[in-house]
C-alpha atoms as a PDB file:
ATOM      1  CA  MET A   1      92.037 114.516  94.491  1.00  0.00           C
ATOM      2  CA  ALA A   2      95.753 115.130  93.885  1.00  0.00           C
ATOM      3  CA  ASN A   3      98.220 112.364  93.203  1.00  0.00           C
ATOM      4  CA  LYS A   4     100.967 112.333  95.806  1.00  0.00           C
ATOM      5  CA  ILE A   5     104.493 110.996  96.151  1.00  0.00           C
ATOM      6  CA  LEU A   6     104.920 108.935  99.306  1.00  0.00           C
ATOM      7  CA  ILE A   7     108.412 109.332 100.804  1.00  0.00           C
ATOM      8  CA  ILE A   8     109.189 106.529 103.259  1.00  0.00           C
ATOM      9  CA  THR A   9     112.247 107.230 105.378  1.00  0.00           C
ATOM     10  CA  CYS A  10     113.357 108.180 108.900  1.00  0.00           C
ATOM     11  CA  LYS A  11     113.990 111.431 110.748  1.00  0.00           C
ATOM     12  CA  ASN A  12     117.784 111.249 110.607  1.00  0.00           C
ATOM     13  CA  ASP A  13     117.874 110.789 106.836  1.00  0.00           C
ATOM     14  CA  THR A  14     118.972 114.061 105.212  1.00  0.00           C
ATOM     15  CA  HIS A  15     118.878 112.699 101.650  1.00  0.00           C
ATOM     16  CA  PRO A  16     115.230 113.684 101.061  1.00  0.00           C
ATOM     17  CA  ASN A  17     115.890 117.329 101.959  1.00  0.00           C
ATOM     18  CA  SER A  18     117.083 118.474  98.528  1.00  0.00           C
ATOM     19  CA  VAL A  19     114.252 116.570  96.842  1.00  0.00           C
ATOM     20  CA  ILE A  20     111.617 117.952  99.218  1.00  0.00           C
ATOM     21  CA  GLU A  21     112.924 121.484  98.651  1.00  0.00           C
ATOM     22  CA  ILE A  22     112.252 121.113  94.916  1.00  0.00           C
ATOM     23  CA  LEU A  23     108.868 119.463  95.506  1.00  0.00           C
ATOM     24  CA  ASN A  24     107.811 122.406  97.666  1.00  0.00           C
ATOM     25  CA  LYS A  25     109.106 124.924  95.130  1.00  0.00           C
ATOM     26  CA  GLU A  26     107.246 123.214  92.282  1.00  0.00           C
ATOM     27  CA  ASN A  27     104.077 122.626  94.378  1.00  0.00           C
ATOM     28  CA  ILE A  28     104.282 118.877  93.794  1.00  0.00           C
ATOM     29  CA  PRO A  29     102.206 117.055  96.458  1.00  0.00           C
ATOM     30  CA  TYR A  30     104.036 114.576  98.676  1.00  0.00           C
ATOM     31  CA  PHE A  31     103.780 112.945 102.085  1.00  0.00           C
ATOM     32  CA  ARG A  32     106.770 112.044 104.280  1.00  0.00           C
ATOM     33  CA  LEU A  33     106.487 109.022 106.561  1.00  0.00           C
ATOM     34  CA  ASN A  34     109.218 108.688 109.188  1.00  0.00           C
ATOM     35  CA  THR A  35     108.710 105.058 110.053  1.00  0.00           C
ATOM     36  CA  GLU A  36     110.428 104.975 113.459  1.00  0.00           C
ATOM     37  CA  ALA A  37     107.629 107.303 114.677  1.00  0.00           C
ATOM     38  CA  LEU A  38     104.810 105.277 113.111  1.00  0.00           C
ATOM     39  CA  MET A  39     103.047 104.700 116.441  1.00  0.00           C
ATOM     40  CA  THR A  40     103.784 108.043 118.085  1.00  0.00           C
ATOM     41  CA  GLU A  41     103.368 110.677 115.374  1.00  0.00           C
ATOM     42  CA  TYR A  42     100.927 109.115 112.908  1.00  0.00           C
ATOM     43  CA  GLU A  43      97.395 107.794 112.783  1.00  0.00           C
ATOM     44  CA  PHE A  44      96.741 105.101 110.198  1.00  0.00           C
ATOM     45  CA  GLY A  45      94.340 102.459 109.024  1.00  0.00           C
ATOM     46  CA  TRP A  46      94.206  99.742 106.360  1.00  0.00           C
ATOM     47  CA  PHE A  47      90.842  98.316 105.255  1.00  0.00           C
ATOM     48  CA  HIS A  48      89.612  95.616 102.904  1.00  0.00           C
ATOM     49  CA  LYS A  49      86.194  94.173 102.119  1.00  0.00           C
ATOM     50  CA  SER A  50      85.308  91.321  99.809  1.00  0.00           C
ATOM     51  CA  GLY A  51      85.075  92.397  96.178  1.00  0.00           C
ATOM     52  CA  SER A  52      86.700  95.799  96.712  1.00  0.00           C
ATOM     53  CA  LYS A  53      90.211  97.199  96.546  1.00  0.00           C
ATOM     54  CA  PRO A  54      92.083  97.643  99.833  1.00  0.00           C
ATOM     55  CA  SER A  55      92.235 101.201 101.111  1.00  0.00           C
ATOM     56  CA  PHE A  56      94.400 102.949 103.672  1.00  0.00           C
ATOM     57  CA  PHE A  57      95.187 106.317 105.171  1.00  0.00           C
ATOM     58  CA  ILE A  58      98.136 107.807 107.070  1.00  0.00           C
ATOM     59  CA  LYS A  59      97.805 111.071 108.991  1.00  0.00           C
ATOM     60  CA  ASP A  60     100.700 113.085 110.371  1.00  0.00           C
ATOM     61  CA  LYS A  61      99.547 114.245 113.807  1.00  0.00           C
ATOM     62  CA  ASN A  62     102.075 117.097 113.832  1.00  0.00           C
ATOM     63  CA  THR A  63     100.981 118.697 110.552  1.00  0.00           C
ATOM     64  CA  ASP A  64      97.444 117.292 110.106  1.00  0.00           C
ATOM     65  CA  GLU A  65      98.449 116.219 106.608  1.00  0.00           C
ATOM     66  CA  THR A  66      96.878 112.993 105.354  1.00  0.00           C
ATOM     67  CA  ILE A  67      97.560 110.677 102.440  1.00  0.00           C
ATOM     68  CA  LEU A  68      94.989 108.172 101.174  1.00  0.00           C
ATOM     69  CA  GLY A  69      95.803 104.942  99.411  1.00  0.00           C
ATOM     70  CA  ASN A  70      94.130 106.053  96.182  1.00  0.00           C
ATOM     71  CA  GLU A  71      96.219 109.252  96.213  1.00  0.00           C
ATOM     72  CA  VAL A  72      99.570 107.452  96.159  1.00  0.00           C
ATOM     73  CA  TYR A  73     101.051 107.815  92.675  1.00  0.00           C
ATOM     74  CA  SER A  74     104.610 106.660  93.355  1.00  0.00           C
ATOM     75  CA  ILE A  75     106.859 105.838  96.292  1.00  0.00           C
ATOM     76  CA  TRP A  76     110.393 106.754  97.247  1.00  0.00           C
ATOM     77  CA  TYR A  77     111.414 103.972  99.602  1.00  0.00           C
ATOM     78  CA  ARG A  78     114.425 105.802 100.932  1.00  0.00           C
ATOM     79  CA  ARG A  79     115.725 104.865 104.404  1.00  0.00           C
ATOM     80  CA  PRO A  80     112.946 103.491 106.626  1.00  0.00           C
ATOM     81  CA  VAL A  81     113.601 101.836 109.981  1.00  0.00           C
ATOM     82  CA  LEU A  82     111.413  99.728 112.241  1.00  0.00           C
ATOM     83  CA  PRO A  83     108.988 101.483 114.632  1.00  0.00           C
ATOM     84  CA  GLU A  84     110.775 102.253 117.886  1.00  0.00           C
ATOM     85  CA  ASP A  85     108.368 103.823 120.386  1.00  0.00           C
ATOM     86  CA  LEU A  86     104.835 103.614 121.704  1.00  0.00           C
ATOM     87  CA  PRO A  87     102.620 106.573 122.646  1.00  0.00           C
ATOM     88  CA  TYR A  88     102.056 105.013 126.082  1.00  0.00           C
ATOM     89  CA  TYR A  89     104.015 102.431 128.051  1.00  0.00           C
ATOM     90  CA  SER A  90     102.665 100.035 130.646  1.00  0.00           C
ATOM     91  CA  CYS A  91     104.511 100.580 133.911  1.00  0.00           C
ATOM     92  CA  GLU A  92     103.281  97.278 135.279  1.00  0.00           C
ATOM     93  CA  ASN A  93     104.231  94.850 132.553  1.00  0.00           C
ATOM     94  CA  LYS A  94     107.215  95.323 130.270  1.00  0.00           C
ATOM     95  CA  GLU A  95     106.221  92.226 128.310  1.00  0.00           C
ATOM     96  CA  ILE A  96     103.051  94.038 127.182  1.00  0.00           C
ATOM     97  CA  ASN A  97     105.195  96.910 125.910  1.00  0.00           C
ATOM     98  CA  LYS A  98     107.428  94.448 124.082  1.00  0.00           C
ATOM     99  CA  HIS A  99     104.399  92.740 122.554  1.00  0.00           C
ATOM    100  CA  ASN A 100     102.949  96.061 121.354  1.00  0.00           C
ATOM    101  CA  ILE A 101     106.218  97.104 119.729  1.00  0.00           C
ATOM    102  CA  GLU A 102     106.456  93.734 117.987  1.00  0.00           C
ATOM    103  CA  GLU A 103     102.896  94.164 116.696  1.00  0.00           C
ATOM    104  CA  ALA A 104     103.827  97.583 115.293  1.00  0.00           C
ATOM    105  CA  LYS A 105     106.876  96.091 113.588  1.00  0.00           C
ATOM    106  CA  ALA A 106     104.729  93.337 112.091  1.00  0.00           C
ATOM    107  CA  PHE A 107     102.245  95.870 110.717  1.00  0.00           C
ATOM    108  CA  TYR A 108     105.121  97.904 109.275  1.00  0.00           C
ATOM    109  CA  GLN A 109     106.551  94.838 107.507  1.00  0.00           C
ATOM    110  CA  TYR A 110     103.165  93.772 106.120  1.00  0.00           C
ATOM    111  CA  PHE A 111     102.357  97.311 104.975  1.00  0.00           C
ATOM    112  CA  MET A 112     105.709  97.748 103.199  1.00  0.00           C
ATOM    113  CA  LEU A 113     105.142  94.459 101.366  1.00  0.00           C
ATOM    114  CA  PHE A 114     101.646  95.609 100.385  1.00  0.00           C
ATOM    115  CA  LEU A 115     103.158  98.774  98.861  1.00  0.00           C
ATOM    116  CA  SER A 116     105.649  96.795  96.760  1.00  0.00           C
ATOM    117  CA  ASP A 117     103.437  96.840  93.664  1.00  0.00           C
ATOM    118  CA  TYR A 118     103.432 100.643  93.374  1.00  0.00           C
ATOM    119  CA  TYR A 119     105.992 102.290  91.117  1.00  0.00           C
ATOM    120  CA  SER A 120     108.900 103.064  93.388  1.00  0.00           C
ATOM    121  CA  ILE A 121     112.488 104.155  93.657  1.00  0.00           C
ATOM    122  CA  GLY A 122     113.635 101.591  96.186  1.00  0.00           C
ATOM    123  CA  ASN A 123     111.412  98.680  97.107  1.00  0.00           C
ATOM    124  CA  HIS A 124     110.988  96.910 100.441  1.00  0.00           C
ATOM    125  CA  ASN A 125     110.568  93.493  98.878  1.00  0.00           C
ATOM    126  CA  HIS A 126     113.131  93.600  96.070  1.00  0.00           C
ATOM    127  CA  ASP A 127     115.752  95.622  97.997  1.00  0.00           C
ATOM    128  CA  ARG A 128     116.052  92.945 100.661  1.00  0.00           C
ATOM    129  CA  PHE A 129     116.888  90.322  98.054  1.00  0.00           C
ATOM    130  CA  ALA A 130     119.181  92.603  96.059  1.00  0.00           C
ATOM    131  CA  ASN A 131     121.065  93.723  99.171  1.00  0.00           C
ATOM    132  CA  SER A 132     122.713  90.305  99.499  1.00  0.00           C
ATOM    133  CA  LYS A 133     126.314  90.542  98.324  1.00  0.00           C
ATOM    134  CA  MET A 134     126.085  86.913  97.180  1.00  0.00           C
ATOM    135  CA  VAL A 135     123.065  87.750  95.026  1.00  0.00           C
ATOM    136  CA  GLN A 136     124.926  90.775  93.669  1.00  0.00           C
ATOM    137  CA  SER A 137     127.961  88.718  92.708  1.00  0.00           C
ATOM    138  CA  PHE A 138     125.804  86.057  91.032  1.00  0.00           C
ATOM    139  CA  TYR A 139     123.722  88.499  88.959  1.00  0.00           C
ATOM    140  CA  ALA A 140     126.686  90.703  88.033  1.00  0.00           C
ATOM    141  CA  ASP A 141     128.423  87.637  86.636  1.00  0.00           C
ATOM    142  CA  LYS A 142     125.180  86.545  84.959  1.00  0.00           C
ATOM    143  CA  VAL A 143     124.897  89.783  82.939  1.00  0.00           C
ATOM    144  CA  GLY A 144     128.563  89.609  81.908  1.00  0.00           C
ATOM    145  CA  LEU A 145     130.208  92.020  84.340  1.00  0.00           C
ATOM    146  CA  LYS A 146     133.676  91.034  85.510  1.00  0.00           C
ATOM    147  CA  ILE A 147     133.769  90.237  89.230  1.00  0.00           C
ATOM    148  CA  SER A 148     136.560  89.793  91.736  1.00  0.00           C
ATOM    149  CA  PRO A 149     136.986  86.232  93.118  1.00  0.00           C
ATOM    150  CA  THR A 150     135.111  86.168  96.424  1.00  0.00           C
ATOM    151  CA  CYS A 151     135.059  83.983  99.526  1.00  0.00           C
ATOM    152  CA  TYR A 152     132.834  83.829 102.624  1.00  0.00           C
ATOM    153  CA  ALA A 153     133.894  81.246 105.202  1.00  0.00           C
ATOM    154  CA  ASN A 154     134.562  80.584 108.888  1.00  0.00           C
ATOM    155  CA  THR A 155     137.409  78.057 108.760  1.00  0.00           C
ATOM    156  CA  LYS A 156     141.086  78.673 108.195  1.00  0.00           C
ATOM    157  CA  LYS A 157     141.369  75.746 105.788  1.00  0.00           C
ATOM    158  CA  SER A 158     138.630  76.991 103.444  1.00  0.00           C
ATOM    159  CA  ILE A 159     139.922  80.540 103.443  1.00  0.00           C
ATOM    160  CA  VAL A 160     143.597  79.702 102.965  1.00  0.00           C
ATOM    161  CA  ASN A 161     142.785  77.213 100.189  1.00  0.00           C
ATOM    162  CA  PHE A 162     140.757  79.828  98.336  1.00  0.00           C
ATOM    163  CA  THR A 163     143.062  82.805  98.833  1.00  0.00           C
ATOM    164  CA  SER A 164     146.431  81.118  98.309  1.00  0.00           C
ATOM    165  CA  LYS A 165     146.067  81.691  94.548  1.00  0.00           C
ATOM    166  CA  TYR A 166     146.193  85.473  95.032  1.00  0.00           C
ATOM    167  CA  ASP A 167     149.045  87.665  96.257  1.00  0.00           C
ATOM    168  CA  GLU A 168     146.926  90.417  97.773  1.00  0.00           C
ATOM    169  CA  LEU A 169     143.447  90.384  99.253  1.00  0.00           C
ATOM    170  CA  ILE A 170     140.751  92.759 100.406  1.00  0.00           C
ATOM    171  CA  ILE A 171     139.079  91.905 103.696  1.00  0.00           C
ATOM    172  CA  LYS A 172     135.959  93.809 104.694  1.00  0.00           C
ATOM    173  CA  PRO A 173     132.768  93.526 106.750  1.00  0.00           C
ATOM    174  CA  LEU A 174     129.604  92.162 105.191  1.00  0.00           C
ATOM    175  CA  ARG A 175     127.287  94.805 106.596  1.00  0.00           C
ATOM    176  CA  ASN A 176     128.147  96.259 110.023  1.00  0.00           C
ATOM    177  CA  TYR A 177     130.694  99.005 109.395  1.00  0.00           C
ATOM    178  CA  ASN A 178     130.770 100.365 112.950  1.00  0.00           C
ATOM    179  CA  VAL A 179     131.587  98.821 116.340  1.00  0.00           C
ATOM    180  CA  SER A 180     130.582 100.787 119.449  1.00  0.00           C
ATOM    181  CA  PHE A 181     132.235 100.240 122.815  1.00  0.00           C
ATOM    182  CA  SER A 182     130.861 100.803 126.305  1.00  0.00           C
ATOM    183  CA  GLU A 183     133.605 103.337 126.986  1.00  0.00           C
ATOM    184  CA  GLY A 184     131.806 105.716 124.651  1.00  0.00           C
ATOM    185  CA  TYR A 185     133.891 105.455 121.509  1.00  0.00           C
ATOM    186  CA  SER A 186     133.339 103.601 118.260  1.00  0.00           C
ATOM    187  CA  TYR A 187     135.514 102.084 115.577  1.00  0.00           C
ATOM    188  CA  GLU A 188     134.785 102.376 111.871  1.00  0.00           C
ATOM    189  CA  LEU A 189     135.456  99.241 109.852  1.00  0.00           C
ATOM    190  CA  TYR A 190     136.764  99.830 106.341  1.00  0.00           C
ATOM    191  CA  ALA A 191     138.101  97.549 103.631  1.00  0.00           C
ATOM    192  CA  ASN A 192     141.746  96.604 104.241  1.00  0.00           C
ATOM    193  CA  LYS A 193     144.384  95.257 101.870  1.00  0.00           C
ATOM    194  CA  ILE A 194     146.454  92.354 103.197  1.00  0.00           C
ATOM    195  CA  ASP A 195     149.110  89.978 101.916  1.00  0.00           C
ATOM    196  CA  SER A 196     147.527  86.539 101.478  1.00  0.00           C
ATOM    197  CA  SER A 197     150.539  84.846 103.099  1.00  0.00           C
ATOM    198  CA  LEU A 198     149.657  86.472 106.423  1.00  0.00           C
ATOM    199  CA  LEU A 199     146.525  84.345 106.724  1.00  0.00           C
ATOM    200  CA  GLN A 200     148.602  81.181 107.131  1.00  0.00           C
ATOM    201  CA  GLU A 201     150.152  82.649 110.290  1.00  0.00           C
ATOM    202  CA  GLN A 202     146.818  83.287 112.025  1.00  0.00           C
ATOM    203  CA  PRO A 203     145.267  80.876 114.572  1.00  0.00           C
ATOM    204  CA  GLU A 204     142.065  78.989 113.769  1.00  0.00           C
ATOM    205  CA  GLU A 205     140.010  81.096 116.187  1.00  0.00           C
ATOM    206  CA  ALA A 206     140.823  84.207 114.153  1.00  0.00           C
ATOM    207  CA  PHE A 207     138.612  82.728 111.430  1.00  0.00           C
ATOM    208  CA  SER A 208     135.950  80.835 113.369  1.00  0.00           C
ATOM    209  CA  GLN A 209     134.770  83.777 115.523  1.00  0.00           C
ATOM    210  CA  THR A 210     132.996  85.488 112.617  1.00  0.00           C
ATOM    211  CA  VAL A 211     132.230  85.237 108.920  1.00  0.00           C
ATOM    212  CA  CYS A 212     135.300  86.191 106.920  1.00  0.00           C
ATOM    213  CA  PHE A 213     134.619  88.087 103.672  1.00  0.00           C
ATOM    214  CA  LEU A 214     137.602  88.262 101.333  1.00  0.00           C
ATOM    215  CA  GLN A 215     138.188  89.130  97.692  1.00  0.00           C
ATOM    216  CA  GLU A 216     141.205  89.211  95.441  1.00  0.00           C
ATOM    217  CA  TYR A 217     142.636  92.729  95.486  1.00  0.00           C
ATOM    218  CA  VAL A 218     142.190  94.379  92.088  1.00  0.00           C
ATOM    219  CA  LYS A 219     144.787  96.977  91.101  1.00  0.00           C
ATOM    220  CA  LYS A 220     143.107 100.313  90.446  1.00  0.00           C
ATOM    221  CA  ALA A 221     143.608 103.233  88.129  1.00  0.00           C
ATOM    222  CA  TYR A 222     140.531 104.823  89.704  1.00  0.00           C
ATOM    223  CA  GLU A 223     137.042 103.900  90.855  1.00  0.00           C
ATOM    224  CA  VAL A 224     133.596 104.668  89.460  1.00  0.00           C
ATOM    225  CA  ARG A 225     130.280 105.090  91.243  1.00  0.00           C
ATOM    226  CA  ILE A 226     127.382 104.621  88.819  1.00  0.00           C
ATOM    227  CA  THR A 227     123.974 105.779  90.016  1.00  0.00           C
ATOM    228  CA  ILE A 228     120.997 104.707  87.936  1.00  0.00           C
ATOM    229  CA  MET A 229     117.581 106.247  88.592  1.00  0.00           C
ATOM    230  CA  GLY A 230     115.058 104.920  86.107  1.00  0.00           C
ATOM    231  CA  SER A 231     116.148 106.190  82.694  1.00  0.00           C
ATOM    232  CA  HIS A 232     118.762 108.529  84.229  1.00  0.00           C
ATOM    233  CA  LEU A 233     122.398 107.534  84.736  1.00  0.00           C
ATOM    234  CA  PHE A 234     125.218 109.373  86.520  1.00  0.00           C
ATOM    235  CA  ALA A 235     128.779 108.020  86.350  1.00  0.00           C
ATOM    236  CA  CYS A 236     131.281 109.576  88.756  1.00  0.00           C
ATOM    237  CA  LYS A 237     135.037 108.953  88.584  1.00  0.00           C
ATOM    238  CA  ILE A 238     136.632 108.780  92.036  1.00  0.00           C
ATOM    239  CA  ASP A 239     140.394 109.404  91.979  1.00  0.00           C
ATOM    240  CA  SER A 240     141.115 107.220  94.983  1.00  0.00           C
ATOM    241  CA  GLN A 241     144.624 106.225  93.863  1.00  0.00           C
ATOM    242  CA  LYS A 242     145.943 109.744  94.417  1.00  0.00           C
ATOM    243  CA  GLN A 243     145.214 109.337  98.137  1.00  0.00           C
ATOM    244  CA  ASP A 244     147.249 107.769 100.939  1.00  0.00           C
ATOM    245  CA  ASP A 245     146.304 104.217 101.906  1.00  0.00           C
ATOM    246  CA  ASP A 246     144.349 105.299 104.997  1.00  0.00           C
ATOM    247  CA  LYS A 247     142.840 108.368 103.331  1.00  0.00           C
ATOM    248  CA  GLY A 248     140.848 106.744 100.537  1.00  0.00           C
ATOM    249  CA  LYS A 249     143.278 104.757  98.398  1.00  0.00           C
ATOM    250  CA  ILE A 250     142.093 101.366  99.693  1.00  0.00           C
ATOM    251  CA  ASP A 251     138.529 102.311 100.686  1.00  0.00           C
ATOM    252  CA  PHE A 252     137.436 105.590  99.091  1.00  0.00           C
ATOM    253  CA  ARG A 253     135.004 106.299 101.946  1.00  0.00           C
ATOM    254  CA  GLN A 254     138.045 107.215 104.050  1.00  0.00           C
ATOM    255  CA  GLY A 255     138.828 110.007 101.603  1.00  0.00           C
ATOM    256  CA  TYR A 256     135.680 112.096 102.113  1.00  0.00           C
ATOM    257  CA  ASP A 257     137.481 114.448 104.494  1.00  0.00           C
ATOM    258  CA  HIS A 258     140.769 114.435 102.576  1.00  0.00           C
ATOM    259  CA  ASN A 259     139.981 116.247  99.321  1.00  0.00           C
ATOM    260  CA  LEU A 260     139.032 113.132  97.375  1.00  0.00           C
ATOM    261  CA  HIS A 261     138.545 114.226  93.759  1.00  0.00           C
ATOM    262  CA  HIS A 262     135.258 113.471  91.965  1.00  0.00           C
ATOM    263  CA  GLU A 263     134.549 113.948  88.271  1.00  0.00           C
ATOM    264  CA  MET A 264     131.564 113.053  86.098  1.00  0.00           C
ATOM    265  CA  ILE A 265     132.487 110.845  83.145  1.00  0.00           C
ATOM    266  CA  SER A 266     130.909 109.092  80.173  1.00  0.00           C
ATOM    267  CA  LEU A 267     130.414 105.386  80.636  1.00  0.00           C
ATOM    268  CA  PRO A 268     131.191 102.658  78.079  1.00  0.00           C
ATOM    269  CA  LYS A 269     127.883 101.628  76.508  1.00  0.00           C
ATOM    270  CA  SER A 270     128.489  97.971  77.262  1.00  0.00           C
ATOM    271  CA  ILE A 271     128.887  98.681  80.998  1.00  0.00           C
ATOM    272  CA  GLU A 272     125.777 100.876  81.032  1.00  0.00           C
ATOM    273  CA  GLU A 273     123.640  98.215  79.363  1.00  0.00           C
ATOM    274  CA  LYS A 274     124.908  95.464  81.668  1.00  0.00           C
ATOM    275  CA  CYS A 275     124.122  97.599  84.719  1.00  0.00           C
ATOM    276  CA  ARG A 276     120.611  98.264  83.430  1.00  0.00           C
ATOM    277  CA  GLN A 277     120.133  94.581  82.658  1.00  0.00           C
ATOM    278  CA  TYR A 278     121.263  93.752  86.198  1.00  0.00           C
ATOM    279  CA  LEU A 279     118.624  96.094  87.669  1.00  0.00           C
ATOM    280  CA  ARG A 280     115.894  94.747  85.402  1.00  0.00           C
ATOM    281  CA  LEU A 281     116.642  91.175  86.466  1.00  0.00           C
ATOM    282  CA  LEU A 282     116.293  92.213  90.116  1.00  0.00           C
ATOM    283  CA  HIS A 283     113.112  94.269  89.468  1.00  0.00           C
ATOM    284  CA  LEU A 284     114.763  97.525  90.567  1.00  0.00           C
ATOM    285  CA  ASN A 285     114.395 101.078  89.275  1.00  0.00           C
ATOM    286  CA  PHE A 286     117.424 102.317  91.203  1.00  0.00           C
ATOM    287  CA  GLY A 287     120.936 101.157  92.024  1.00  0.00           C
ATOM    288  CA  CYS A 288     124.340 102.525  93.056  1.00  0.00           C
ATOM    289  CA  PHE A 289     127.132 100.489  91.455  1.00  0.00           C
ATOM    290  CA  ASP A 290     130.767 100.538  92.579  1.00  0.00           C
ATOM    291  CA  PHE A 291     133.459  99.549  90.093  1.00  0.00           C
ATOM    292  CA  VAL A 292     137.225  99.421  90.061  1.00  0.00           C
ATOM    293  CA  VAL A 293     138.779 100.462  86.758  1.00  0.00           C
ATOM    294  CA  THR A 294     142.123  98.735  86.290  1.00  0.00           C
ATOM    295  CA  PRO A 295     145.230 100.371  84.752  1.00  0.00           C
ATOM    296  CA  GLU A 296     144.289  98.474  81.555  1.00  0.00           C
ATOM    297  CA  GLY A 297     140.854 100.148  81.532  1.00  0.00           C
ATOM    298  CA  GLU A 298     138.823  97.086  82.530  1.00  0.00           C
ATOM    299  CA  TYR A 299     135.740  97.609  84.702  1.00  0.00           C
ATOM    300  CA  VAL A 300     135.505  95.213  87.679  1.00  0.00           C
ATOM    301  CA  PHE A 301     132.225  95.057  89.599  1.00  0.00           C
ATOM    302  CA  LEU A 302     132.409  95.414  93.388  1.00  0.00           C
ATOM    303  CA  GLU A 303     128.809  95.813  94.520  1.00  0.00           C
ATOM    304  CA  CYS A 304     125.437  97.415  93.823  1.00  0.00           C
ATOM    305  CA  ASN A 305     123.585  99.059  96.695  1.00  0.00           C
ATOM    306  CA  PRO A 306     119.850  98.978  95.831  1.00  0.00           C
ATOM    307  CA  ASN A 307     119.222 101.917  98.167  1.00  0.00           C
ATOM    308  CA  GLY A 308     122.558 103.725  98.137  1.00  0.00           C
ATOM    309  CA  GLN A 309     123.416 107.327  98.844  1.00  0.00           C
ATOM    310  CA  TRP A 310     124.034 109.827  96.067  1.00  0.00           C
ATOM    311  CA  GLY A 311     123.686 113.278  97.654  1.00  0.00           C
ATOM    312  CA  TRP A 312     127.452 113.594  98.095  1.00  0.00           C
ATOM    313  CA  ILE A 313     127.949 113.195  94.331  1.00  0.00           C
ATOM    314  CA  GLU A 314     125.301 115.839  93.626  1.00  0.00           C
ATOM    315  CA  ASP A 315     127.050 118.198  96.042  1.00  0.00           C
ATOM    316  CA  GLU A 316     130.575 117.483  94.791  1.00  0.00           C
ATOM    317  CA  CYS A 317     129.838 117.636  91.065  1.00  0.00           C
ATOM    318  CA  GLY A 318     126.756 119.866  90.827  1.00  0.00           C
ATOM    319  CA  VAL A 319     124.709 117.396  88.804  1.00  0.00           C
ATOM    320  CA  PRO A 320     120.871 117.453  88.913  1.00  0.00           C
ATOM    321  CA  MET A 321     120.291 114.135  90.659  1.00  0.00           C
ATOM    322  CA  SER A 322     117.410 115.384  92.818  1.00  0.00           C
ATOM    323  CA  GLU A 323     115.618 116.604  89.693  1.00  0.00           C
ATOM    324  CA  ALA A 324     116.245 113.245  88.009  1.00  0.00           C
ATOM    325  CA  LEU A 325     114.750 111.362  90.931  1.00  0.00           C
ATOM    326  CA  ILE A 326     111.666 113.596  90.925  1.00  0.00           C
ATOM    327  CA  ASP A 327     111.293 113.034  87.168  1.00  0.00           C
ATOM    328  CA  CYS A 328     111.289 109.281  87.847  1.00  0.00           C
ATOM    329  CA  LEU A 329     108.648 109.581  90.577  1.00  0.00           C
ATOM    330  CA  ILE A 330     106.399 111.812  88.458  1.00  0.00           C
ATOM    331  CA  ASN A 331     106.751 109.906  85.186  1.00  0.00           C
ATOM    332  CA  CYS A 332     107.392 106.389  86.537  1.00  0.00           C
ATOM    333  CA  ARG A 333     110.639 106.042  84.601  1.00  0.00           C
ATOM    334  CA  LYS A 334     111.792 102.482  84.144  1.00  0.00           C
ATOM    335  CA  VAL A 335     115.395 101.313  83.859  1.00  0.00           C
END
């Protein structure tokens, strides 16, 4: 019975491709579960009797491949989504269809929680907690990382009182970075720099219609994306300040299509240790940290995505991040 790596993701996620290519080349057993198709493309069962360990199986109906619970050695909890479809729909009662989908979603949630005790890169239970930007700010400060003053509020008074101390601010969405319109187009929401005095001129309803997320704007020399996978660390310098404002200078994600320069760098030991301590406190084996480095060389923490993307850094800089992730999954590397 071979130990297998369980890759939990979705069909549209291309990140596993480079890893799976190496796994196939090295004949390392794995099983890919695309969770949106849980009910339509897989057969599964979970069983437990008194005095025995729980057991389960998942079978891919397209390939006839099966993974058993006692074969799972480690898990890459990459980019799963909730089950979306049923193999059969009731034409007579849409409420039955809705009920069945909700039951599938409940099973998915329970099953992901059950898997939380396996060694994993990404973790359903801990990722949800660590994905909170408030949690991130609190723990970054707790381990001694410098943070930018931050405000979440829905009243003009609270926001103006907090931000009046700062000349420039960053305003950005908490989570939803895309707004789609019925006319068939969408609008990408990026971080924007604004003068704090402009807030005083806005009407109350400009603040009360949503949750406003603002931070003091930190002057940048450049930015750094730090990706930690178990014992492996990759620090990438992002030369965002050489870009125009709307092409990556304010939000480096806007620079992807505008020759944004990336370069691997060595990280100060104190920053590395604080990042590792942060992950240990949150029970994570993986994290993508974003920092601003000021003209004075000070590192300022922005966020840590517990399930962030890294393939673009591997492609841009030619570093062996897929191999590092596989090493973690085979050898259960801790942070």
